[in-house]
N, C-alpha and C. Protein backbone atom coordinates (compact mmCIF):
# COMPACT_ATOMS: atom_id res chain seq x y z
N MET A 1 -23.55 -46.59 -33.50
CA MET A 1 -22.11 -46.56 -33.52
C MET A 1 -21.60 -47.39 -32.38
N CYS A 2 -20.62 -48.28 -32.68
CA CYS A 2 -20.00 -49.15 -31.66
C CYS A 2 -19.03 -48.29 -30.81
N SER A 3 -18.41 -48.90 -29.79
CA SER A 3 -17.57 -48.12 -28.90
C SER A 3 -16.11 -48.27 -29.28
N GLY A 4 -15.84 -48.73 -30.53
CA GLY A 4 -14.44 -48.89 -31.01
C GLY A 4 -13.77 -47.57 -31.17
N GLU A 5 -12.47 -47.67 -31.18
CA GLU A 5 -11.70 -46.39 -31.39
C GLU A 5 -11.76 -45.93 -32.77
N LEU A 6 -12.03 -44.59 -32.93
CA LEU A 6 -12.08 -43.96 -34.20
C LEU A 6 -10.73 -43.61 -34.73
N THR A 7 -10.56 -43.63 -36.02
CA THR A 7 -9.29 -43.24 -36.64
C THR A 7 -9.49 -42.03 -37.58
N VAL A 8 -8.70 -41.05 -37.46
CA VAL A 8 -8.76 -39.84 -38.32
C VAL A 8 -8.14 -40.14 -39.62
N THR A 9 -8.89 -40.05 -40.67
CA THR A 9 -8.40 -40.33 -42.00
C THR A 9 -8.34 -39.13 -42.97
N ARG A 10 -8.92 -37.96 -42.52
CA ARG A 10 -9.04 -36.80 -43.34
C ARG A 10 -8.89 -35.55 -42.52
N LEU A 11 -8.04 -34.64 -43.02
CA LEU A 11 -7.84 -33.27 -42.44
C LEU A 11 -8.12 -32.25 -43.46
N HIS A 12 -8.87 -31.23 -43.00
CA HIS A 12 -9.37 -30.22 -44.09
C HIS A 12 -9.12 -28.89 -43.46
N CYS A 13 -8.59 -27.89 -44.21
CA CYS A 13 -8.45 -26.52 -43.82
C CYS A 13 -9.62 -25.70 -44.41
N ARG A 14 -10.41 -25.12 -43.57
CA ARG A 14 -11.55 -24.30 -44.06
C ARG A 14 -11.02 -23.06 -44.68
N HIS A 15 -9.87 -22.60 -44.37
CA HIS A 15 -9.34 -21.31 -44.84
C HIS A 15 -8.85 -21.41 -46.24
N CYS A 16 -7.97 -22.42 -46.57
CA CYS A 16 -7.41 -22.51 -47.93
C CYS A 16 -7.97 -23.67 -48.71
N ASP A 17 -8.89 -24.42 -48.06
CA ASP A 17 -9.56 -25.52 -48.69
C ASP A 17 -8.60 -26.77 -49.01
N THR A 18 -7.50 -26.75 -48.34
CA THR A 18 -6.56 -27.91 -48.55
C THR A 18 -7.05 -29.15 -47.73
N THR A 19 -6.92 -30.27 -48.37
CA THR A 19 -7.37 -31.56 -47.75
C THR A 19 -6.23 -32.49 -47.77
N LEU A 20 -6.04 -33.15 -46.69
CA LEU A 20 -5.01 -34.25 -46.50
C LEU A 20 -5.78 -35.50 -46.13
N GLU A 21 -5.40 -36.61 -46.81
CA GLU A 21 -6.07 -37.88 -46.50
C GLU A 21 -4.93 -38.89 -46.14
N GLY A 22 -5.24 -39.79 -45.21
CA GLY A 22 -4.26 -40.76 -44.73
C GLY A 22 -4.76 -41.32 -43.39
N ARG A 23 -3.82 -41.85 -42.65
CA ARG A 23 -4.22 -42.35 -41.27
C ARG A 23 -3.39 -41.52 -40.30
N PHE A 24 -4.10 -40.77 -39.45
CA PHE A 24 -3.40 -39.83 -38.53
C PHE A 24 -3.61 -40.27 -37.11
N GLU A 25 -2.56 -40.26 -36.33
CA GLU A 25 -2.64 -40.55 -34.90
C GLU A 25 -3.31 -39.49 -34.17
N THR A 26 -4.11 -39.84 -33.18
CA THR A 26 -4.71 -38.91 -32.22
C THR A 26 -4.07 -39.00 -30.85
N THR A 27 -4.32 -38.01 -30.10
CA THR A 27 -3.71 -38.03 -28.78
C THR A 27 -4.66 -38.76 -27.79
N ARG A 28 -4.12 -39.06 -26.62
CA ARG A 28 -4.98 -39.69 -25.57
C ARG A 28 -6.15 -38.77 -25.23
N PHE A 29 -5.91 -37.43 -25.31
CA PHE A 29 -6.99 -36.55 -24.92
C PHE A 29 -8.22 -36.58 -25.83
N ALA A 30 -7.99 -37.11 -27.07
CA ALA A 30 -9.13 -37.28 -27.96
C ALA A 30 -10.15 -38.30 -27.44
N ARG A 31 -9.75 -39.10 -26.47
CA ARG A 31 -10.62 -40.17 -25.90
C ARG A 31 -11.66 -39.50 -24.85
N LEU A 32 -11.32 -38.26 -24.46
CA LEU A 32 -12.07 -37.74 -23.33
C LEU A 32 -13.45 -37.16 -23.85
N THR A 33 -14.44 -37.21 -22.99
CA THR A 33 -15.72 -36.60 -23.33
C THR A 33 -15.63 -35.08 -23.20
N PRO A 34 -16.54 -34.35 -23.76
CA PRO A 34 -16.46 -32.89 -23.52
C PRO A 34 -16.57 -32.50 -22.06
N GLU A 35 -17.28 -33.20 -21.25
CA GLU A 35 -17.33 -32.89 -19.81
C GLU A 35 -15.98 -33.15 -19.19
N GLN A 36 -15.31 -34.24 -19.56
CA GLN A 36 -13.93 -34.51 -19.08
C GLN A 36 -12.95 -33.47 -19.43
N LEU A 37 -13.04 -33.00 -20.71
CA LEU A 37 -12.19 -31.96 -21.15
C LEU A 37 -12.40 -30.66 -20.44
N ASP A 38 -13.57 -30.29 -20.14
CA ASP A 38 -13.91 -29.08 -19.31
C ASP A 38 -13.26 -29.23 -17.95
N PHE A 39 -13.46 -30.48 -17.31
CA PHE A 39 -12.82 -30.64 -16.03
C PHE A 39 -11.39 -30.45 -16.11
N VAL A 40 -10.70 -31.03 -17.08
CA VAL A 40 -9.18 -30.93 -17.27
C VAL A 40 -8.81 -29.49 -17.40
N ALA A 41 -9.56 -28.67 -18.16
CA ALA A 41 -9.25 -27.26 -18.33
C ALA A 41 -9.30 -26.52 -16.97
N VAL A 42 -10.40 -26.85 -16.19
CA VAL A 42 -10.52 -26.14 -14.86
C VAL A 42 -9.36 -26.64 -13.91
N PHE A 43 -9.04 -27.93 -14.02
CA PHE A 43 -7.93 -28.51 -13.13
C PHE A 43 -6.64 -27.84 -13.45
N LEU A 44 -6.38 -27.73 -14.76
CA LEU A 44 -5.11 -27.10 -15.19
C LEU A 44 -4.99 -25.60 -14.85
N LYS A 45 -6.21 -25.00 -15.05
CA LYS A 45 -6.23 -23.54 -14.75
C LYS A 45 -6.00 -23.27 -13.29
N SER A 46 -6.48 -24.16 -12.44
CA SER A 46 -6.25 -24.04 -11.00
C SER A 46 -4.96 -24.62 -10.59
N ARG A 47 -4.17 -25.08 -11.48
CA ARG A 47 -2.81 -25.68 -11.28
C ARG A 47 -2.92 -26.87 -10.25
N GLY A 48 -4.01 -27.61 -10.39
CA GLY A 48 -4.17 -28.93 -9.65
C GLY A 48 -4.57 -28.59 -8.26
N ASN A 49 -4.97 -27.42 -7.92
CA ASN A 49 -5.44 -27.09 -6.59
C ASN A 49 -6.91 -27.66 -6.38
N ILE A 50 -7.08 -28.65 -5.72
CA ILE A 50 -8.41 -29.29 -5.70
C ILE A 50 -9.43 -28.37 -5.05
N LYS A 51 -9.04 -27.59 -4.04
CA LYS A 51 -9.98 -26.60 -3.41
C LYS A 51 -10.46 -25.59 -4.37
N GLU A 52 -9.55 -25.17 -5.30
CA GLU A 52 -9.97 -24.24 -6.37
C GLU A 52 -10.95 -24.85 -7.37
N VAL A 53 -10.71 -26.14 -7.71
CA VAL A 53 -11.59 -26.84 -8.59
C VAL A 53 -12.95 -26.98 -7.92
N GLU A 54 -12.99 -27.32 -6.62
CA GLU A 54 -14.22 -27.45 -5.93
C GLU A 54 -15.01 -26.16 -5.99
N ARG A 55 -14.33 -25.07 -5.70
CA ARG A 55 -14.91 -23.72 -5.74
C ARG A 55 -15.51 -23.30 -7.08
N GLU A 56 -14.65 -23.47 -8.11
CA GLU A 56 -15.03 -23.09 -9.45
C GLU A 56 -16.15 -23.94 -10.05
N LEU A 57 -16.14 -25.14 -9.80
CA LEU A 57 -17.23 -26.12 -10.26
C LEU A 57 -18.40 -26.28 -9.36
N SER A 58 -18.26 -25.78 -8.13
CA SER A 58 -19.31 -25.88 -7.11
C SER A 58 -19.59 -27.36 -6.83
N ILE A 59 -18.46 -28.22 -6.69
CA ILE A 59 -18.67 -29.59 -6.40
C ILE A 59 -17.81 -29.89 -5.15
N SER A 60 -18.09 -31.09 -4.56
CA SER A 60 -17.36 -31.51 -3.32
C SER A 60 -16.07 -32.14 -3.71
N TYR A 61 -15.21 -32.34 -2.65
CA TYR A 61 -13.90 -32.98 -2.84
C TYR A 61 -14.13 -34.43 -3.41
N PRO A 62 -15.04 -35.23 -2.87
CA PRO A 62 -15.12 -36.59 -3.41
C PRO A 62 -15.57 -36.53 -4.90
N THR A 63 -16.37 -35.52 -5.28
CA THR A 63 -16.71 -35.46 -6.75
C THR A 63 -15.53 -35.03 -7.60
N VAL A 64 -14.71 -34.15 -7.04
CA VAL A 64 -13.48 -33.78 -7.81
C VAL A 64 -12.60 -35.06 -7.95
N ARG A 65 -12.41 -35.74 -6.90
CA ARG A 65 -11.65 -36.97 -7.00
C ARG A 65 -12.16 -37.92 -8.04
N ALA A 66 -13.48 -38.19 -7.94
CA ALA A 66 -14.12 -39.13 -8.81
C ALA A 66 -13.96 -38.64 -10.33
N ARG A 67 -14.12 -37.42 -10.52
CA ARG A 67 -13.93 -36.88 -11.93
C ARG A 67 -12.45 -37.07 -12.38
N LEU A 68 -11.59 -36.74 -11.52
CA LEU A 68 -10.17 -36.89 -11.80
C LEU A 68 -9.81 -38.37 -12.07
N ASP A 69 -10.30 -39.26 -11.31
CA ASP A 69 -10.09 -40.64 -11.53
C ASP A 69 -10.66 -41.10 -12.86
N SER A 70 -11.88 -40.54 -13.24
CA SER A 70 -12.46 -40.86 -14.52
C SER A 70 -11.68 -40.43 -15.64
N VAL A 71 -10.99 -39.19 -15.57
CA VAL A 71 -10.16 -38.77 -16.63
C VAL A 71 -8.91 -39.55 -16.74
N LEU A 72 -8.35 -39.90 -15.58
CA LEU A 72 -7.10 -40.76 -15.56
C LEU A 72 -7.41 -42.15 -16.17
N ALA A 73 -8.49 -42.70 -15.93
CA ALA A 73 -8.83 -43.96 -16.49
C ALA A 73 -9.06 -43.87 -18.02
N ALA A 74 -9.76 -42.81 -18.42
CA ALA A 74 -9.91 -42.54 -19.85
C ALA A 74 -8.67 -42.38 -20.59
N LEU A 75 -7.64 -41.81 -19.94
CA LEU A 75 -6.36 -41.62 -20.50
C LEU A 75 -5.48 -42.83 -20.54
N GLY A 76 -6.02 -43.89 -19.93
CA GLY A 76 -5.33 -45.18 -19.97
C GLY A 76 -4.42 -45.36 -18.76
N PHE A 77 -4.58 -44.57 -17.71
CA PHE A 77 -3.75 -44.79 -16.44
C PHE A 77 -4.44 -45.66 -15.46
N GLN A 78 -3.72 -46.36 -14.71
CA GLN A 78 -4.36 -47.20 -13.69
C GLN A 78 -4.66 -46.30 -12.51
N VAL A 79 -5.95 -46.49 -12.01
CA VAL A 79 -6.36 -45.62 -10.88
C VAL A 79 -6.47 -46.50 -9.62
N ASP A 80 -5.80 -46.03 -8.60
CA ASP A 80 -5.86 -46.69 -7.26
C ASP A 80 -7.07 -46.17 -6.52
N ARG A 81 -8.10 -46.98 -6.42
CA ARG A 81 -9.33 -46.49 -5.81
C ARG A 81 -9.28 -46.76 -4.28
N SER A 82 -8.40 -47.56 -3.80
CA SER A 82 -8.43 -47.88 -2.33
C SER A 82 -8.38 -46.67 -1.46
N GLY A 83 -7.53 -45.64 -1.76
CA GLY A 83 -7.55 -44.40 -0.96
C GLY A 83 -8.80 -43.67 -1.14
N ALA A 84 -9.37 -43.57 -2.24
CA ALA A 84 -10.59 -42.88 -2.44
C ALA A 84 -11.74 -43.54 -1.66
N GLU A 85 -11.75 -44.83 -1.70
CA GLU A 85 -12.77 -45.53 -0.88
C GLU A 85 -12.70 -45.26 0.60
N GLU A 86 -11.46 -45.23 1.11
CA GLU A 86 -11.26 -44.88 2.54
C GLU A 86 -11.68 -43.53 2.87
N GLU A 87 -11.37 -42.59 1.92
CA GLU A 87 -11.84 -41.16 2.13
C GLU A 87 -13.33 -41.13 2.18
N ASN A 88 -13.98 -41.80 1.30
CA ASN A 88 -15.52 -41.84 1.22
C ASN A 88 -16.07 -42.39 2.49
N ARG A 89 -15.46 -43.42 3.04
CA ARG A 89 -15.91 -43.94 4.32
C ARG A 89 -15.80 -42.92 5.45
N ILE A 90 -14.74 -42.21 5.43
CA ILE A 90 -14.51 -41.24 6.55
C ILE A 90 -15.48 -40.12 6.40
N LYS A 91 -15.69 -39.60 5.14
CA LYS A 91 -16.72 -38.57 4.91
C LYS A 91 -18.11 -39.02 5.22
N GLN A 92 -18.43 -40.28 4.93
CA GLN A 92 -19.80 -40.76 5.30
C GLN A 92 -19.96 -40.81 6.83
N ALA A 93 -18.92 -41.16 7.56
CA ALA A 93 -18.93 -41.15 8.97
C ALA A 93 -19.16 -39.78 9.54
N ARG A 94 -18.44 -38.81 8.94
CA ARG A 94 -18.56 -37.44 9.39
C ARG A 94 -19.99 -36.89 9.04
N ARG A 95 -20.55 -37.26 7.91
CA ARG A 95 -21.90 -36.85 7.60
C ARG A 95 -22.89 -37.37 8.61
N LYS A 96 -22.74 -38.66 8.91
CA LYS A 96 -23.62 -39.27 9.89
C LYS A 96 -23.53 -38.62 11.30
N GLU A 97 -22.31 -38.27 11.64
CA GLU A 97 -22.05 -37.64 12.92
C GLU A 97 -22.73 -36.34 12.93
N LEU A 98 -22.59 -35.50 11.89
CA LEU A 98 -23.26 -34.20 11.80
C LEU A 98 -24.77 -34.28 11.87
N LEU A 99 -25.37 -35.29 11.16
CA LEU A 99 -26.75 -35.46 11.16
C LEU A 99 -27.32 -35.93 12.52
N ASP A 100 -26.49 -36.76 13.20
CA ASP A 100 -26.86 -37.20 14.56
C ASP A 100 -26.84 -35.93 15.50
N ARG A 101 -25.83 -35.15 15.38
CA ARG A 101 -25.79 -33.92 16.27
C ARG A 101 -26.89 -32.99 15.93
N LEU A 102 -27.25 -32.86 14.64
CA LEU A 102 -28.47 -32.02 14.32
C LEU A 102 -29.76 -32.66 14.93
N ASN A 103 -29.87 -33.97 14.83
CA ASN A 103 -31.00 -34.60 15.41
C ASN A 103 -31.15 -34.47 16.92
N ARG A 104 -29.99 -34.40 17.58
CA ARG A 104 -30.02 -34.19 19.09
C ARG A 104 -30.08 -32.78 19.46
N GLY A 105 -30.07 -31.83 18.50
CA GLY A 105 -30.17 -30.42 18.80
C GLY A 105 -28.97 -29.69 19.22
N GLU A 106 -27.79 -30.39 18.99
CA GLU A 106 -26.56 -29.85 19.35
C GLU A 106 -26.06 -28.73 18.39
N ILE A 107 -26.47 -28.82 17.15
CA ILE A 107 -26.21 -27.82 16.16
C ILE A 107 -27.50 -27.44 15.43
N THR A 108 -27.45 -26.20 14.78
CA THR A 108 -28.61 -25.74 14.04
C THR A 108 -28.53 -26.36 12.64
N ALA A 109 -29.67 -26.18 11.96
CA ALA A 109 -29.75 -26.64 10.48
C ALA A 109 -28.72 -25.93 9.67
N GLU A 110 -28.59 -24.60 9.92
CA GLU A 110 -27.70 -23.81 9.04
C GLU A 110 -26.23 -24.32 9.37
N GLU A 111 -25.98 -24.66 10.64
CA GLU A 111 -24.59 -25.10 10.97
C GLU A 111 -24.27 -26.45 10.37
N ALA A 112 -25.35 -27.29 10.35
CA ALA A 112 -25.16 -28.57 9.68
C ALA A 112 -24.90 -28.52 8.20
N VAL A 113 -25.71 -27.56 7.56
CA VAL A 113 -25.55 -27.39 6.12
C VAL A 113 -24.16 -26.82 5.80
N ALA A 114 -23.71 -25.93 6.55
CA ALA A 114 -22.38 -25.33 6.31
C ALA A 114 -21.33 -26.39 6.58
N ALA A 115 -21.48 -27.23 7.54
CA ALA A 115 -20.46 -28.31 7.81
C ALA A 115 -20.49 -29.35 6.72
N LEU A 116 -21.65 -29.67 6.27
CA LEU A 116 -21.79 -30.69 5.17
C LEU A 116 -21.15 -30.22 3.92
N LYS A 117 -21.39 -28.95 3.62
CA LYS A 117 -20.78 -28.34 2.43
C LYS A 117 -19.24 -28.41 2.46
N SER A 118 -18.65 -28.20 3.65
CA SER A 118 -17.26 -28.16 3.76
C SER A 118 -16.58 -29.50 3.68
N LEU A 119 -17.38 -30.64 3.69
CA LEU A 119 -16.77 -31.95 3.72
C LEU A 119 -16.19 -32.25 2.33
């Protein structure tokens, strides 16, 4: 199958066996993958609270942002990645600093793991 946009041409009711044929418009959300739809459901359930999304999906802040950007792009919105790139650079620097502190013996492995998870 190609990656072209699909058109709905038939609707059927399993209950009363009624069928409608024609060309039916779909919503932007029909473009989303099942994984993206699951993310949107969690995002809406948490009322956009990224900390809650992180907790519920057990993913980091950068991963939440990347998934949100992916959903926005799939919906046809322009995504400004410059802010996300800067955040990633800052987080990478924090990770390096934590690992350097661990290497120097300034913090324990458990402290490093906890700090890395909170990034």
